[in-house]
PDB file of all heavy atoms in Angstrom:
ATOM      1  N   TYR A   1     112.979  84.725 122.005  1.00  0.00           N
ATOM      2  CA  TYR A   1     111.967  85.324 121.001  1.00  0.00           C
ATOM      3  C   TYR A   1     111.101  84.191 120.573  1.00  0.00           C
ATOM      4  O   TYR A   1     111.490  83.387 119.743  1.00  0.00           O
ATOM      5  CB  TYR A   1     112.729  85.985 119.851  1.00  0.00           C
ATOM      6  CG  TYR A   1     113.710  87.014 120.296  1.00  0.00           C
ATOM      7  CD1 TYR A   1     115.035  86.644 120.591  1.00  0.00           C
ATOM      8  CD2 TYR A   1     113.407  88.352 120.426  1.00  0.00           C
ATOM      9  CE1 TYR A   1     115.986  87.591 120.948  1.00  0.00           C
ATOM     10  CE2 TYR A   1     114.322  89.308 120.802  1.00  0.00           C
ATOM     11  CZ  TYR A   1     115.593  88.896 121.086  1.00  0.00           C
ATOM     12  OH  TYR A   1     116.529  89.859 121.488  1.00  0.00           O
ATOM     13  N   ALA A   2     109.833  84.119 121.092  1.00  0.00           N
ATOM     14  CA  ALA A   2     108.880  83.127 120.703  1.00  0.00           C
ATOM     15  C   ALA A   2     107.907  83.713 119.689  1.00  0.00           C
ATOM     16  O   ALA A   2     107.229  84.665 119.985  1.00  0.00           O
ATOM     17  CB  ALA A   2     108.151  82.597 121.973  1.00  0.00           C
ATOM     18  N   VAL A   3     107.871  83.157 118.437  1.00  0.00           N
ATOM     19  CA  VAL A   3     107.076  83.646 117.379  1.00  0.00           C
ATOM     20  C   VAL A   3     106.483  82.472 116.582  1.00  0.00           C
ATOM     21  O   VAL A   3     106.947  81.338 116.701  1.00  0.00           O
ATOM     22  CB  VAL A   3     107.844  84.579 116.445  1.00  0.00           C
ATOM     23  CG1 VAL A   3     108.343  85.856 117.172  1.00  0.00           C
ATOM     24  CG2 VAL A   3     108.983  83.876 115.784  1.00  0.00           C
ATOM     25  N   HIS A   4     105.508  82.806 115.780  1.00  0.00           N
ATOM     26  CA  HIS A   4     104.909  81.799 114.874  1.00  0.00           C
ATOM     27  C   HIS A   4     105.771  81.678 113.605  1.00  0.00           C
ATOM     28  O   HIS A   4     106.583  82.618 113.287  1.00  0.00           O
ATOM     29  CB  HIS A   4     103.498  82.198 114.500  1.00  0.00           C
ATOM     30  CG  HIS A   4     102.490  82.016 115.658  1.00  0.00           C
ATOM     31  ND1 HIS A   4     102.101  83.060 116.477  1.00  0.00           N
ATOM     32  CD2 HIS A   4     101.841  80.917 116.046  1.00  0.00           C
ATOM     33  CE1 HIS A   4     101.275  82.533 117.380  1.00  0.00           C
ATOM     34  NE2 HIS A   4     101.054  81.233 117.137  1.00  0.00           N
ATOM     35  N   ALA A   5     105.498  80.635 112.877  1.00  0.00           N
ATOM     36  CA  ALA A   5     106.286  80.401 111.662  1.00  0.00           C
ATOM     37  C   ALA A   5     105.959  81.419 110.585  1.00  0.00           C
ATOM     38  O   ALA A   5     106.845  81.856 109.907  1.00  0.00           O
ATOM     39  CB  ALA A   5     105.985  78.967 111.115  1.00  0.00           C
ATOM     40  N   ASP A   6     104.670  81.866 110.482  1.00  0.00           N
ATOM     41  CA  ASP A   6     104.342  82.786 109.412  1.00  0.00           C
ATOM     42  C   ASP A   6     105.124  84.173 109.572  1.00  0.00           C
ATOM     43  O   ASP A   6     105.725  84.667 108.665  1.00  0.00           O
ATOM     44  CB  ASP A   6     102.819  83.125 109.544  1.00  0.00           C
ATOM     45  CG  ASP A   6     101.982  81.870 109.263  1.00  0.00           C
ATOM     46  OD1 ASP A   6     102.577  80.828 108.918  1.00  0.00           O
ATOM     47  OD2 ASP A   6     100.778  81.924 109.466  1.00  0.00           O
ATOM     48  N   TYR A   7     105.145  84.662 110.811  1.00  0.00           N
ATOM     49  CA  TYR A   7     105.819  85.875 111.109  1.00  0.00           C
ATOM     50  C   TYR A   7     107.298  85.766 110.906  1.00  0.00           C
ATOM     51  O   TYR A   7     108.005  86.712 110.387  1.00  0.00           O
ATOM     52  CB  TYR A   7     105.508  86.307 112.525  1.00  0.00           C
ATOM     53  CG  TYR A   7     106.316  87.496 113.040  1.00  0.00           C
ATOM     54  CD1 TYR A   7     106.044  88.813 112.643  1.00  0.00           C
ATOM     55  CD2 TYR A   7     107.322  87.340 113.974  1.00  0.00           C
ATOM     56  CE1 TYR A   7     106.806  89.862 112.989  1.00  0.00           C
ATOM     57  CE2 TYR A   7     108.064  88.404 114.407  1.00  0.00           C
ATOM     58  CZ  TYR A   7     107.814  89.669 113.941  1.00  0.00           C
ATOM     59  OH  TYR A   7     108.571  90.689 114.366  1.00  0.00           O
ATOM     60  N   TYR A   8     107.899  84.621 111.301  1.00  0.00           N
ATOM     61  CA  TYR A   8     109.344  84.440 111.161  1.00  0.00           C
ATOM     62  C   TYR A   8     109.735  84.415 109.677  1.00  0.00           C
ATOM     63  O   TYR A   8     110.854  84.912 109.276  1.00  0.00           O
ATOM     64  CB  TYR A   8     109.795  83.231 111.885  1.00  0.00           C
ATOM     65  CG  TYR A   8     111.231  82.973 111.737  1.00  0.00           C
ATOM     66  CD1 TYR A   8     112.111  83.709 112.563  1.00  0.00           C
ATOM     67  CD2 TYR A   8     111.778  81.961 110.935  1.00  0.00           C
ATOM     68  CE1 TYR A   8     113.552  83.486 112.419  1.00  0.00           C
ATOM     69  CE2 TYR A   8     113.142  81.746 110.784  1.00  0.00           C
ATOM     70  CZ  TYR A   8     114.030  82.515 111.594  1.00  0.00           C
ATOM     71  OH  TYR A   8     115.375  82.324 111.484  1.00  0.00           O
ATOM     72  N   ILE A   9     108.935  83.809 108.829  1.00  0.00           N
ATOM     73  CA  ILE A   9     109.175  83.762 107.369  1.00  0.00           C
ATOM     74  C   ILE A   9     109.301  85.127 106.798  1.00  0.00           C
ATOM     75  O   ILE A   9     110.164  85.431 105.960  1.00  0.00           O
ATOM     76  CB  ILE A   9     108.229  82.857 106.649  1.00  0.00           C
ATOM     77  CG1 ILE A   9     108.449  81.396 107.069  1.00  0.00           C
ATOM     78  CG2 ILE A   9     108.361  83.027 105.133  1.00  0.00           C
ATOM     79  CD1 ILE A   9     107.341  80.454 106.476  1.00  0.00           C
ATOM     80  N   ILE A  10     108.368  85.961 107.138  1.00  0.00           N
ATOM     81  CA  ILE A  10     108.416  87.389 106.721  1.00  0.00           C
ATOM     82  C   ILE A  10     109.634  88.120 107.304  1.00  0.00           C
ATOM     83  O   ILE A  10     110.299  88.876 106.666  1.00  0.00           O
ATOM     84  CB  ILE A  10     107.056  88.088 107.113  1.00  0.00           C
ATOM     85  CG1 ILE A  10     105.834  87.419 106.489  1.00  0.00           C
ATOM     86  CG2 ILE A  10     107.121  89.568 106.726  1.00  0.00           C
ATOM     87  CD1 ILE A  10     104.562  88.014 106.891  1.00  0.00           C
ATOM     88  N   LEU A  11     109.844  87.916 108.594  1.00  0.00           N
ATOM     89  CA  LEU A  11     110.905  88.606 109.259  1.00  0.00           C
ATOM     90  C   LEU A  11     112.311  88.311 108.743  1.00  0.00           C
ATOM     91  O   LEU A  11     113.120  89.268 108.538  1.00  0.00           O
ATOM     92  CB  LEU A  11     110.862  88.264 110.847  1.00  0.00           C
ATOM     93  CG  LEU A  11     111.746  89.083 111.744  1.00  0.00           C
ATOM     94  CD1 LEU A  11     111.242  90.552 111.778  1.00  0.00           C
ATOM     95  CD2 LEU A  11     111.809  88.458 113.082  1.00  0.00           C
ATOM     96  N   ARG A  12     112.602  87.059 108.455  1.00  0.00           N
ATOM     97  CA  ARG A  12     113.985  86.706 108.107  1.00  0.00           C
ATOM     98  C   ARG A  12     114.314  87.248 106.695  1.00  0.00           C
ATOM     99  O   ARG A  12     115.433  87.668 106.446  1.00  0.00           O
ATOM    100  CB  ARG A  12     114.160  85.188 108.169  1.00  0.00           C
ATOM    101  CG  ARG A  12     113.341  84.416 107.198  1.00  0.00           C
ATOM    102  CD  ARG A  12     113.650  82.935 107.226  1.00  0.00           C
ATOM    103  NE  ARG A  12     112.956  82.151 106.248  1.00  0.00           N
ATOM    104  CZ  ARG A  12     113.027  80.883 106.129  1.00  0.00           C
ATOM    105  NH1 ARG A  12     113.813  80.136 106.891  1.00  0.00           N
ATOM    106  NH2 ARG A  12     112.359  80.268 105.114  1.00  0.00           N
ATOM    107  N   LEU A  13     113.298  87.268 105.823  1.00  0.00           N
ATOM    108  CA  LEU A  13     113.599  87.764 104.435  1.00  0.00           C
ATOM    109  C   LEU A  13     113.700  89.311 104.508  1.00  0.00           C
ATOM    110  O   LEU A  13     114.555  89.866 103.849  1.00  0.00           O
ATOM    111  CB  LEU A  13     112.519  87.348 103.454  1.00  0.00           C
ATOM    112  CG  LEU A  13     112.690  87.877 102.053  1.00  0.00           C
ATOM    113  CD1 LEU A  13     114.011  87.433 101.472  1.00  0.00           C
ATOM    114  CD2 LEU A  13     111.528  87.432 101.171  1.00  0.00           C
ATOM    115  N   CYS A  14     112.841  89.946 105.263  1.00  0.00           N
ATOM    116  CA  CYS A  14     112.877  91.390 105.361  1.00  0.00           C
ATOM    117  C   CYS A  14     114.171  91.811 106.005  1.00  0.00           C
ATOM    118  O   CYS A  14     114.833  92.885 105.625  1.00  0.00           O
ATOM    119  CB  CYS A  14     111.751  91.903 106.169  1.00  0.00           C
ATOM    120  SG  CYS A  14     110.142  91.794 105.394  1.00  0.00           S
ATOM    121  N   ALA A  15     114.667  91.032 106.942  1.00  0.00           N
ATOM    122  CA  ALA A  15     116.040  91.354 107.557  1.00  0.00           C
ATOM    123  C   ALA A  15     117.154  91.215 106.514  1.00  0.00           C
ATOM    124  O   ALA A  15     118.117  91.998 106.559  1.00  0.00           O
ATOM    125  CB  ALA A  15     116.250  90.509 108.750  1.00  0.00           C
ATOM    126  N   ARG A  16     117.078  90.196 105.687  1.00  0.00           N
ATOM    127  CA  ARG A  16     118.074  90.034 104.693  1.00  0.00           C
ATOM    128  C   ARG A  16     118.097  91.143 103.656  1.00  0.00           C
ATOM    129  O   ARG A  16     119.119  91.592 103.218  1.00  0.00           O
ATOM    130  CB  ARG A  16     117.929  88.653 104.086  1.00  0.00           C
ATOM    131  CG  ARG A  16     118.947  88.329 102.946  1.00  0.00           C
ATOM    132  CD  ARG A  16     118.856  86.950 102.425  1.00  0.00           C
ATOM    133  NE  ARG A  16     119.377  86.006 103.484  1.00  0.00           N
ATOM    134  CZ  ARG A  16     119.441  84.657 103.295  1.00  0.00           C
ATOM    135  NH1 ARG A  16     119.135  84.123 102.111  1.00  0.00           N
ATOM    136  NH2 ARG A  16     119.946  83.879 104.208  1.00  0.00           N
ATOM    137  N   VAL A  17     116.882  91.599 103.295  1.00  0.00           N
ATOM    138  CA  VAL A  17     116.770  92.684 102.328  1.00  0.00           C
ATOM    139  C   VAL A  17     117.277  94.000 102.900  1.00  0.00           C
ATOM    140  O   VAL A  17     117.973  94.755 102.279  1.00  0.00           O
ATOM    141  CB  VAL A  17     115.292  92.821 101.859  1.00  0.00           C
ATOM    142  CG1 VAL A  17     115.114  94.065 101.005  1.00  0.00           C
ATOM    143  CG2 VAL A  17     114.902  91.594 101.007  1.00  0.00           C
ATOM    144  N   ALA A  18     116.969  94.278 104.147  1.00  0.00           N
ATOM    145  CA  ALA A  18     117.395  95.453 104.846  1.00  0.00           C
ATOM    146  C   ALA A  18     118.831  95.376 105.269  1.00  0.00           C
ATOM    147  O   ALA A  18     119.349  96.358 105.812  1.00  0.00           O
ATOM    148  CB  ALA A  18     116.519  95.764 106.040  1.00  0.00           C
ATOM    149  N   ARG A  19     119.453  94.158 105.243  1.00  0.00           N
ATOM    150  CA  ARG A  19     120.847  93.929 105.696  1.00  0.00           C
ATOM    151  C   ARG A  19     121.040  94.286 107.215  1.00  0.00           C
ATOM    152  O   ARG A  19     122.007  94.986 107.474  1.00  0.00           O
ATOM    153  CB  ARG A  19     121.845  94.804 104.836  1.00  0.00           C
ATOM    154  CG  ARG A  19     121.825  94.497 103.366  1.00  0.00           C
ATOM    155  CD  ARG A  19     122.972  95.155 102.644  1.00  0.00           C
ATOM    156  NE  ARG A  19     122.760  95.039 101.171  1.00  0.00           N
ATOM    157  CZ  ARG A  19     122.332  96.048 100.434  1.00  0.00           C
ATOM    158  NH1 ARG A  19     122.025  97.188 101.095  1.00  0.00           N
ATOM    159  NH2 ARG A  19     122.200  95.920  99.143  1.00  0.00           N
ATOM    160  N   VAL A  20     120.081  93.809 107.957  1.00  0.00           N
ATOM    161  CA  VAL A  20     120.227  93.952 109.440  1.00  0.00           C
ATOM    162  C   VAL A  20     120.005  92.583 110.072  1.00  0.00           C
ATOM    163  O   VAL A  20     119.545  91.707 109.402  1.00  0.00           O
ATOM    164  CB  VAL A  20     119.183  94.940 109.950  1.00  0.00           C
ATOM    165  CG1 VAL A  20     119.444  96.371 109.426  1.00  0.00           C
ATOM    166  CG2 VAL A  20     117.734  94.542 109.648  1.00  0.00           C
ATOM    167  N   ASP A  21     120.330  92.544 111.365  1.00  0.00           N
ATOM    168  CA  ASP A  21     120.138  91.239 112.064  1.00  0.00           C
ATOM    169  C   ASP A  21     118.640  90.982 112.269  1.00  0.00           C
ATOM    170  O   ASP A  21     117.865  91.937 112.398  1.00  0.00           O
ATOM    171  CB  ASP A  21     120.836  91.348 113.419  1.00  0.00           C
ATOM    172  CG  ASP A  21     120.840  89.968 114.168  1.00  0.00           C
ATOM    173  OD1 ASP A  21     121.492  89.042 113.720  1.00  0.00           O
ATOM    174  OD2 ASP A  21     120.048  89.852 115.141  1.00  0.00           O
ATOM    175  N   VAL A  22     118.250  89.667 112.288  1.00  0.00           N
ATOM    176  CA  VAL A  22     116.894  89.357 112.418  1.00  0.00           C
ATOM    177  C   VAL A  22     116.285  89.802 113.752  1.00  0.00           C
ATOM    178  O   VAL A  22     115.180  90.363 113.849  1.00  0.00           O
ATOM    179  CB  VAL A  22     116.683  87.781 112.296  1.00  0.00           C
ATOM    180  CG1 VAL A  22     115.244  87.430 112.349  1.00  0.00           C
ATOM    181  CG2 VAL A  22     117.254  87.365 110.969  1.00  0.00           C
ATOM    182  N   ARG A  23     117.054  89.645 114.818  1.00  0.00           N
ATOM    183  CA  ARG A  23     116.592  90.082 116.158  1.00  0.00           C
ATOM    184  C   ARG A  23     116.501  91.628 116.241  1.00  0.00           C
ATOM    185  O   ARG A  23     115.636  92.143 116.938  1.00  0.00           O
ATOM    186  CB  ARG A  23     117.562  89.583 117.266  1.00  0.00           C
ATOM    187  CG  ARG A  23     117.425  88.048 117.458  1.00  0.00           C
ATOM    188  CD  ARG A  23     118.599  87.545 118.292  1.00  0.00           C
ATOM    189  NE  ARG A  23     119.809  87.707 117.592  1.00  0.00           N
ATOM    190  CZ  ARG A  23     121.018  87.585 118.204  1.00  0.00           C
ATOM    191  NH1 ARG A  23     121.040  87.331 119.505  1.00  0.00           N
ATOM    192  NH2 ARG A  23     122.148  87.741 117.515  1.00  0.00           N
ATOM    193  N   THR A  24     117.390  92.309 115.541  1.00  0.00           N
ATOM    194  CA  THR A  24     117.285  93.765 115.549  1.00  0.00           C
ATOM    195  C   THR A  24     116.055  94.273 114.852  1.00  0.00           C
ATOM    196  O   THR A  24     115.285  95.164 115.334  1.00  0.00           O
ATOM    197  CB  THR A  24     118.518  94.360 114.820  1.00  0.00           C
ATOM    198  OG1 THR A  24     119.701  93.994 115.489  1.00  0.00           O
ATOM    199  CG2 THR A  24     118.405  95.910 114.800  1.00  0.00           C
ATOM    200  N   LEU A  25     115.638  93.597 113.712  1.00  0.00           N
ATOM    201  CA  LEU A  25     114.423  93.996 113.017  1.00  0.00           C
ATOM    202  C   LEU A  25     113.254  93.589 113.904  1.00  0.00           C
ATOM    203  O   LEU A  25     112.162  94.299 113.908  1.00  0.00           O
ATOM    204  CB  LEU A  25     114.381  93.290 111.711  1.00  0.00           C
ATOM    205  CG  LEU A  25     113.156  93.590 110.791  1.00  0.00           C
ATOM    206  CD1 LEU A  25     113.005  95.049 110.557  1.00  0.00           C
ATOM    207  CD2 LEU A  25     113.231  92.815 109.398  1.00  0.00           C
ATOM    208  N   HIS A  26     113.264  92.458 114.592  1.00  0.00           N
ATOM    209  CA  HIS A  26     112.163  92.075 115.492  1.00  0.00           C
ATOM    210  C   HIS A  26     111.966  93.105 116.587  1.00  0.00           C
ATOM    211  O   HIS A  26     110.849  93.392 116.901  1.00  0.00           O
ATOM    212  CB  HIS A  26     112.455  90.693 116.099  1.00  0.00           C
ATOM    213  CG  HIS A  26     111.449  90.121 116.941  1.00  0.00           C
ATOM    214  ND1 HIS A  26     110.055  89.943 116.552  1.00  0.00           N
ATOM    215  CD2 HIS A  26     111.452  89.751 118.227  1.00  0.00           C
ATOM    216  CE1 HIS A  26     109.427  89.567 117.557  1.00  0.00           C
ATOM    217  NE2 HIS A  26     110.199  89.353 118.578  1.00  0.00           N
ATOM    218  N   MET A  27     113.069  93.542 117.121  1.00  0.00           N
ATOM    219  CA  MET A  27     112.919  94.631 118.123  1.00  0.00           C
ATOM    220  C   MET A  27     112.299  95.880 117.544  1.00  0.00           C
ATOM    221  O   MET A  27     111.445  96.543 118.271  1.00  0.00           O
ATOM    222  CB  MET A  27     114.282  94.965 118.757  1.00  0.00           C
ATOM    223  CG  MET A  27     114.852  93.917 119.752  1.00  0.00           C
ATOM    224  SD  MET A  27     113.691  93.654 121.083  1.00  0.00           S
ATOM    225  CE  MET A  27     113.559  95.275 121.754  1.00  0.00           C
ATOM    226  N   GLY A  28     112.612  96.206 116.314  1.00  0.00           N
ATOM    227  CA  GLY A  28     111.955  97.408 115.757  1.00  0.00           C
ATOM    228  C   GLY A  28     110.490  97.160 115.515  1.00  0.00           C
ATOM    229  O   GLY A  28     109.693  98.090 115.709  1.00  0.00           O
ATOM    230  N   VAL A  29     110.083  95.952 115.117  1.00  0.00           N
ATOM    231  CA  VAL A  29     108.644  95.655 114.986  1.00  0.00           C
ATOM    232  C   VAL A  29     107.937  95.721 116.367  1.00  0.00           C
ATOM    233  O   VAL A  29     106.834  96.352 116.446  1.00  0.00           O
ATOM    234  CB  VAL A  29     108.459  94.273 114.347  1.00  0.00           C
ATOM    235  CG1 VAL A  29     106.945  93.911 114.272  1.00  0.00           C
ATOM    236  CG2 VAL A  29     109.033  94.189 112.960  1.00  0.00           C
ATOM    237  N   LEU A  30     108.608  95.226 117.396  1.00  0.00           N
ATOM    238  CA  LEU A  30     107.939  95.297 118.718  1.00  0.00           C
ATOM    239  C   LEU A  30     107.797  96.729 119.177  1.00  0.00           C
ATOM    240  O   LEU A  30     106.763  97.133 119.746  1.00  0.00           O
ATOM    241  CB  LEU A  30     108.798  94.480 119.682  1.00  0.00           C
ATOM    242  CG  LEU A  30     108.887  92.998 119.487  1.00  0.00           C
ATOM    243  CD1 LEU A  30     109.725  92.341 120.621  1.00  0.00           C
ATOM    244  CD2 LEU A  30     107.564  92.280 119.251  1.00  0.00           C
ATOM    245  N   ASN A  31     108.796  97.575 118.961  1.00  0.00           N
ATOM    246  CA  ASN A  31     108.745  98.946 119.394  1.00  0.00           C
ATOM    247  C   ASN A  31     107.615  99.723 118.589  1.00  0.00           C
ATOM    248  O   ASN A  31     106.912 100.519 119.213  1.00  0.00           O
ATOM    249  CB  ASN A  31     110.062  99.668 119.157  1.00  0.00           C
ATOM    250  CG  ASN A  31     111.144  99.117 120.105  1.00  0.00           C
ATOM    251  OD1 ASN A  31     110.861  98.534 121.118  1.00  0.00           O
ATOM    252  ND2 ASN A  31     112.399  99.368 119.744  1.00  0.00           N
ATOM    253  N   PHE A  32     107.553  99.441 117.298  1.00  0.00           N
ATOM    254  CA  PHE A  32     106.507 100.129 116.534  1.00  0.00           C
ATOM    255  C   PHE A  32     105.098  99.658 116.933  1.00  0.00           C
ATOM    256  O   PHE A  32     104.206 100.536 116.986  1.00  0.00           O
ATOM    257  CB  PHE A  32     106.738  99.825 115.025  1.00  0.00           C
ATOM    258  CG  PHE A  32     105.763 100.509 114.167  1.00  0.00           C
ATOM    259  CD1 PHE A  32     105.698 101.907 114.031  1.00  0.00           C
ATOM    260  CD2 PHE A  32     104.819  99.758 113.449  1.00  0.00           C
ATOM    261  CE1 PHE A  32     104.834 102.485 113.155  1.00  0.00           C
ATOM    262  CE2 PHE A  32     103.897 100.358 112.588  1.00  0.00           C
ATOM    263  CZ  PHE A  32     103.968 101.808 112.499  1.00  0.00           C
ATOM    264  N   GLN A  33     104.914  98.377 117.205  1.00  0.00           N
ATOM    265  CA  GLN A  33     103.604  97.917 117.645  1.00  0.00           C
ATOM    266  C   GLN A  33     103.246  98.541 119.003  1.00  0.00           C
ATOM    267  O   GLN A  33     102.080  98.854 119.270  1.00  0.00           O
ATOM    268  CB  GLN A  33     103.592  96.425 117.724  1.00  0.00           C
ATOM    269  CG  GLN A  33     103.681  95.725 116.396  1.00  0.00           C
ATOM    270  CD  GLN A  33     103.725  94.239 116.508  1.00  0.00           C
ATOM    271  OE1 GLN A  33     103.299  93.496 115.596  1.00  0.00           O
ATOM    272  NE2 GLN A  33     104.213  93.675 117.619  1.00  0.00           N
ATOM    273  N   LYS A  34     104.196  98.699 119.841  1.00  0.00           N
ATOM    274  CA  LYS A  34     103.941  99.369 121.148  1.00  0.00           C
ATOM    275  C   LYS A  34     103.544 100.801 120.963  1.00  0.00           C
ATOM    276  O   LYS A  34     102.675 101.313 121.650  1.00  0.00           O
ATOM    277  CB  LYS A  34     105.188  99.247 122.019  1.00  0.00           C
ATOM    278  CG  LYS A  34     105.019  99.820 123.443  1.00  0.00           C
ATOM    279  CD  LYS A  34     106.283  99.649 124.267  1.00  0.00           C
ATOM    280  CE  LYS A  34     106.119 100.154 125.724  1.00  0.00           C
ATOM    281  NZ  LYS A  34     107.323  99.992 126.504  1.00  0.00           N
ATOM    282  N   ARG A  35     104.192 101.488 120.061  1.00  0.00           N
ATOM    283  CA  ARG A  35     103.783 102.903 119.713  1.00  0.00           C
ATOM    284  C   ARG A  35     102.367 102.926 119.195  1.00  0.00           C
ATOM    285  O   ARG A  35     101.561 103.811 119.498  1.00  0.00           O
ATOM    286  CB  ARG A  35     104.742 103.516 118.680  1.00  0.00           C
ATOM    287  CG  ARG A  35     104.441 104.941 118.320  1.00  0.00           C
ATOM    288  CD  ARG A  35     105.481 105.522 117.374  1.00  0.00           C
ATOM    289  NE  ARG A  35     105.109 106.871 116.972  1.00  0.00           N
ATOM    290  CZ  ARG A  35     105.287 107.939 117.693  1.00  0.00           C
ATOM    291  NH1 ARG A  35     105.838 107.826 118.899  1.00  0.00           N
ATOM    292  NH2 ARG A  35     104.865 109.068 117.263  1.00  0.00           N
ATOM    293  N   LEU A  36     101.981 101.997 118.291  1.00  0.00           N
ATOM    294  CA  LEU A  36     100.607 102.034 117.808  1.00  0.00           C
ATOM    295  C   LEU A  36      99.654 101.791 118.899  1.00  0.00           C
ATOM    296  O   LEU A  36      98.555 102.392 118.916  1.00  0.00           O
ATOM    297  CB  LEU A  36     100.495 100.900 116.714  1.00  0.00           C
ATOM    298  CG  LEU A  36     101.210 101.189 115.367  1.00  0.00           C
ATOM    299  CD1 LEU A  36     100.998  99.995 114.461  1.00  0.00           C
ATOM    300  CD2 LEU A  36     100.827 102.452 114.745  1.00  0.00           C
ATOM    301  N   GLU A  37      99.922 100.878 119.829  1.00  0.00           N
ATOM    302  CA  GLU A  37      99.054 100.647 120.940  1.00  0.00           C
ATOM    303  C   GLU A  37      98.927 101.865 121.871  1.00  0.00           C
ATOM    304  O   GLU A  37      97.769 102.199 122.321  1.00  0.00           O
ATOM    305  CB  GLU A  37      99.617  99.472 121.745  1.00  0.00           C
ATOM    306  CG  GLU A  37      98.645  99.057 122.959  1.00  0.00           C
ATOM    307  CD  GLU A  37      99.250  97.910 123.690  1.00  0.00           C
ATOM    308  OE1 GLU A  37     100.392  97.549 123.476  1.00  0.00           O
ATOM    309  OE2 GLU A  37      98.540  97.333 124.540  1.00  0.00           O
ATOM    310  N   GLN A  38      99.941 102.541 122.070  1.00  0.00           N
ATOM    311  CA  GLN A  38      99.880 103.836 122.855  1.00  0.00           C
ATOM    312  C   GLN A  38      99.066 104.901 122.163  1.00  0.00           C
ATOM    313  O   GLN A  38      98.283 105.607 122.822  1.00  0.00           O
ATOM    314  CB  GLN A  38     101.322 104.375 123.182  1.00  0.00           C
ATOM    315  CG  GLN A  38     102.139 103.470 124.026  1.00  0.00           C
ATOM    316  CD  GLN A  38     103.573 104.028 124.164  1.00  0.00           C
ATOM    317  OE1 GLN A  38     103.987 104.878 123.437  1.00  0.00           O
ATOM    318  NE2 GLN A  38     104.326 103.383 125.082  1.00  0.00           N
ATOM    319  N   ILE A  39      99.200 104.938 120.845  1.00  0.00           N
ATOM    320  CA  ILE A  39      98.348 105.996 120.078  1.00  0.00           C
ATOM    321  C   ILE A  39      96.948 105.542 120.148  1.00  0.00           C
ATOM    322  O   ILE A  39      96.048 106.431 120.384  1.00  0.00           O
ATOM    323  CB  ILE A  39      98.833 106.058 118.651  1.00  0.00           C
ATOM    324  CG1 ILE A  39     100.263 106.635 118.558  1.00  0.00           C
ATOM    325  CG2 ILE A  39      97.857 106.888 117.829  1.00  0.00           C
ATOM    326  CD1 ILE A  39     100.840 106.655 117.214  1.00  0.00           C
ATOM    327  N   GLU A  40      96.587 104.326 120.050  1.00  0.00           N
ATOM    328  CA  GLU A  40      95.159 103.839 120.110  1.00  0.00           C
ATOM    329  C   GLU A  40      94.585 104.120 121.510  1.00  0.00           C
ATOM    330  O   GLU A  40      93.436 104.547 121.677  1.00  0.00           O
ATOM    331  CB  GLU A  40      95.076 102.399 119.805  1.00  0.00           C
ATOM    332  CG  GLU A  40      95.358 102.117 118.355  1.00  0.00           C
ATOM    333  CD  GLU A  40      95.331 100.562 118.084  1.00  0.00           C
ATOM    334  OE1 GLU A  40      95.232  99.803 119.033  1.00  0.00           O
ATOM    335  OE2 GLU A  40      95.455 100.218 116.860  1.00  0.00           O
ATOM    336  N   ASN A  41      95.385 103.949 122.546  1.00  0.00           N
ATOM    337  CA  ASN A  41      94.929 104.191 123.957  1.00  0.00           C
ATOM    338  C   ASN A  41      94.629 105.699 124.119  1.00  0.00           C
ATOM    339  O   ASN A  41      93.623 106.035 124.804  1.00  0.00           O
ATOM    340  CB  ASN A  41      95.909 103.695 124.980  1.00  0.00           C
ATOM    341  CG  ASN A  41      96.060 102.206 124.970  1.00  0.00           C
ATOM    342  OD1 ASN A  41      95.111 101.491 124.562  1.00  0.00           O
ATOM    343  ND2 ASN A  41      97.198 101.668 125.407  1.00  0.00           N
ATOM    344  N   ARG A  42      95.461 106.538 123.590  1.00  0.00           N
ATOM    345  CA  ARG A  42      95.248 107.970 123.670  1.00  0.00           C
ATOM    346  C   ARG A  42      93.987 108.438 122.973  1.00  0.00           C
ATOM    347  O   ARG A  42      93.182 109.208 123.437  1.00  0.00           O
ATOM    348  CB  ARG A  42      96.495 108.771 123.180  1.00  0.00           C
ATOM    349  CG  ARG A  42      97.709 108.635 123.982  1.00  0.00           C
ATOM    350  CD  ARG A  42      98.742 109.713 123.649  1.00  0.00           C
ATOM    351  NE  ARG A  42     100.050 109.413 124.066  1.00  0.00           N
ATOM    352  CZ  ARG A  42     100.967 109.076 123.255  1.00  0.00           C
ATOM    353  NH1 ARG A  42     100.790 108.878 121.975  1.00  0.00           N
ATOM    354  NH2 ARG A  42     102.160 108.792 123.763  1.00  0.00           N
ATOM    355  N   ILE A  43      93.800 107.840 121.809  1.00  0.00           N
ATOM    356  CA  ILE A  43      92.596 108.165 121.003  1.00  0.00           C
ATOM    357  C   ILE A  43      91.372 107.681 121.815  1.00  0.00           C
ATOM    358  O   ILE A  43      90.327 108.437 121.895  1.00  0.00           O
ATOM    359  CB  ILE A  43      92.621 107.521 119.637  1.00  0.00           C
ATOM    360  CG1 ILE A  43      93.753 108.150 118.822  1.00  0.00           C
ATOM    361  CG2 ILE A  43      91.349 107.648 118.930  1.00  0.00           C
ATOM    362  CD1 ILE A  43      93.969 107.520 117.457  1.00  0.00           C
TER     363      ILE A  43
END
């Protein structure tokens, strides 16, 4: 998982607040961004 420092700082605290693994939350962000891209392509 290659990311910038800014994104990782947000990700690790959000994962701690949500009580989930950091990589699990990262996968959720990637899936949601992919869904947004598909919606934009359809539009």
